[in-house]
Amino acid sequence: PNHAAANFPTTCQTCHNTNSWQGATFNHTWFPTNHGGANGVCATCHNNASNYAIFTCTGCHTKTQTDRQHQGVRNYVYNSSNCYQCHQSGRGG
């Protein structure tokens, strides 16, 4: 991806092994990369490869399922930004 647009570091060694530029590691400690079976595939949640700050929760978490689990939760809104406000670790808020 365009690293600058995606807000990735532009210091290559931060994520890449300079012996082989293929693949990279990224410190994604605040939210588990295997959440919901994503298995470290960024595109599972980040569906805009030019901006990894954009993410979706609603691709996997259906409105029906989520509404049912949030009955009575004050200020609940079904959208990814609101989901992340309460579930920054990928777990219950």
Protein backbone atom coordinates (compact mmCIF):
# COMPACT_ATOMS: atom_id res chain seq x y z
CA PRO A 1 0.00 0.00 0.00
CA ASN A 2 0.95 3.64 -0.20
CA HIS A 3 2.70 3.81 3.15
CA ALA A 4 2.45 7.58 3.69
CA ALA A 5 -1.27 7.67 2.82
CA ALA A 6 -1.93 4.64 5.05
CA ASN A 7 -0.08 6.29 7.94
CA PHE A 8 2.53 3.52 8.03
CA PRO A 9 6.09 4.37 9.04
CA THR A 10 8.33 5.27 6.13
CA THR A 11 11.41 3.89 7.86
CA CYS A 12 11.52 0.54 6.08
CA GLN A 13 13.41 -1.37 8.79
CA THR A 14 10.63 -0.64 11.29
CA CYS A 15 8.46 -3.34 9.69
CA HIS A 16 10.57 -5.02 7.00
CA ASN A 17 13.60 -7.27 7.16
CA THR A 18 16.02 -5.55 4.78
CA ASN A 19 17.33 -8.92 3.55
CA SER A 20 13.93 -9.66 2.06
CA TRP A 21 11.46 -6.84 1.46
CA GLN A 22 8.55 -9.26 1.09
CA GLY A 23 6.17 -9.40 4.01
CA ALA A 24 6.30 -7.17 7.04
CA THR A 25 5.53 -7.15 10.71
CA PHE A 26 3.40 -4.45 12.22
CA ASN A 27 2.88 -3.73 15.90
CA HIS A 28 -0.89 -3.97 16.18
CA THR A 29 -1.05 -4.39 19.95
CA TRP A 30 -4.19 -2.43 20.70
CA PHE A 31 -6.51 -4.70 18.73
CA PRO A 32 -5.86 -8.42 18.09
CA THR A 33 -5.07 -9.20 14.45
CA ASN A 34 -6.79 -12.59 14.81
CA HIS A 35 -10.06 -11.04 16.05
CA GLY A 36 -13.00 -12.97 14.68
CA GLY A 37 -10.76 -15.28 12.70
CA ALA A 38 -9.09 -12.51 10.66
CA ASN A 39 -5.85 -14.51 10.95
CA GLY A 40 -3.71 -11.42 10.45
CA VAL A 41 -5.27 -10.54 7.09
CA CYS A 42 -5.47 -6.74 7.23
CA ALA A 43 -8.15 -6.54 4.52
CA THR A 44 -10.59 -8.39 6.79
CA CYS A 45 -11.14 -5.15 8.71
CA HIS A 46 -9.26 -2.54 6.71
CA ASN A 47 -11.04 -2.53 3.37
CA ASN A 48 -9.38 0.63 2.01
CA ALA A 49 -5.78 -0.29 1.12
CA SER A 50 -4.84 3.35 0.64
CA ASN A 51 -5.85 4.32 4.18
CA TYR A 52 -5.51 1.79 6.99
CA ALA A 53 -7.05 4.26 9.45
CA ILE A 54 -10.36 3.25 7.86
CA PHE A 55 -11.77 -0.01 9.18
CA THR A 56 -15.04 -1.88 9.36
CA CYS A 57 -16.60 -3.91 12.13
CA THR A 58 -19.94 -4.27 10.37
CA GLY A 59 -18.54 -6.55 7.67
CA CYS A 60 -18.57 -9.42 10.17
CA HIS A 61 -20.79 -8.20 13.00
CA THR A 62 -24.30 -8.05 11.59
CA LYS A 63 -26.79 -5.43 12.70
CA THR A 64 -29.27 -8.05 13.93
CA GLN A 65 -26.64 -9.82 16.05
CA THR A 66 -25.13 -6.60 17.38
CA ASP A 67 -28.46 -4.91 18.14
CA ARG A 68 -29.53 -7.96 20.14
CA GLN A 69 -26.29 -7.95 22.18
CA HIS A 70 -26.55 -4.22 22.93
CA GLN A 71 -30.17 -3.97 24.11
CA GLY A 72 -30.28 -1.36 26.85
CA VAL A 73 -26.75 -0.06 26.18
CA ARG A 74 -26.88 3.71 26.47
CA ASN A 75 -25.89 5.67 23.32
CA TYR A 76 -25.44 2.48 21.27
CA VAL A 77 -25.13 3.14 17.53
CA TYR A 78 -24.46 0.44 14.94
CA ASN A 79 -21.45 1.65 12.99
CA SER A 80 -17.75 0.82 13.06
CA SER A 81 -16.54 4.07 14.63
CA ASN A 82 -18.99 3.72 17.49
CA CYS A 83 -18.10 0.06 17.93
CA TYR A 84 -14.42 0.92 18.31
CA GLN A 85 -15.16 3.64 20.88
CA CYS A 86 -16.33 0.95 23.33
CA HIS A 87 -14.39 -2.05 22.07
CA GLN A 88 -10.84 -0.78 21.48
CA SER A 89 -9.34 -4.13 22.44
CA GLY A 90 -11.82 -6.14 20.39
CA ARG A 91 -13.53 -7.34 23.54
CA GLY A 92 -16.55 -6.28 25.60
CA GLY A 93 -16.73 -2.60 26.49
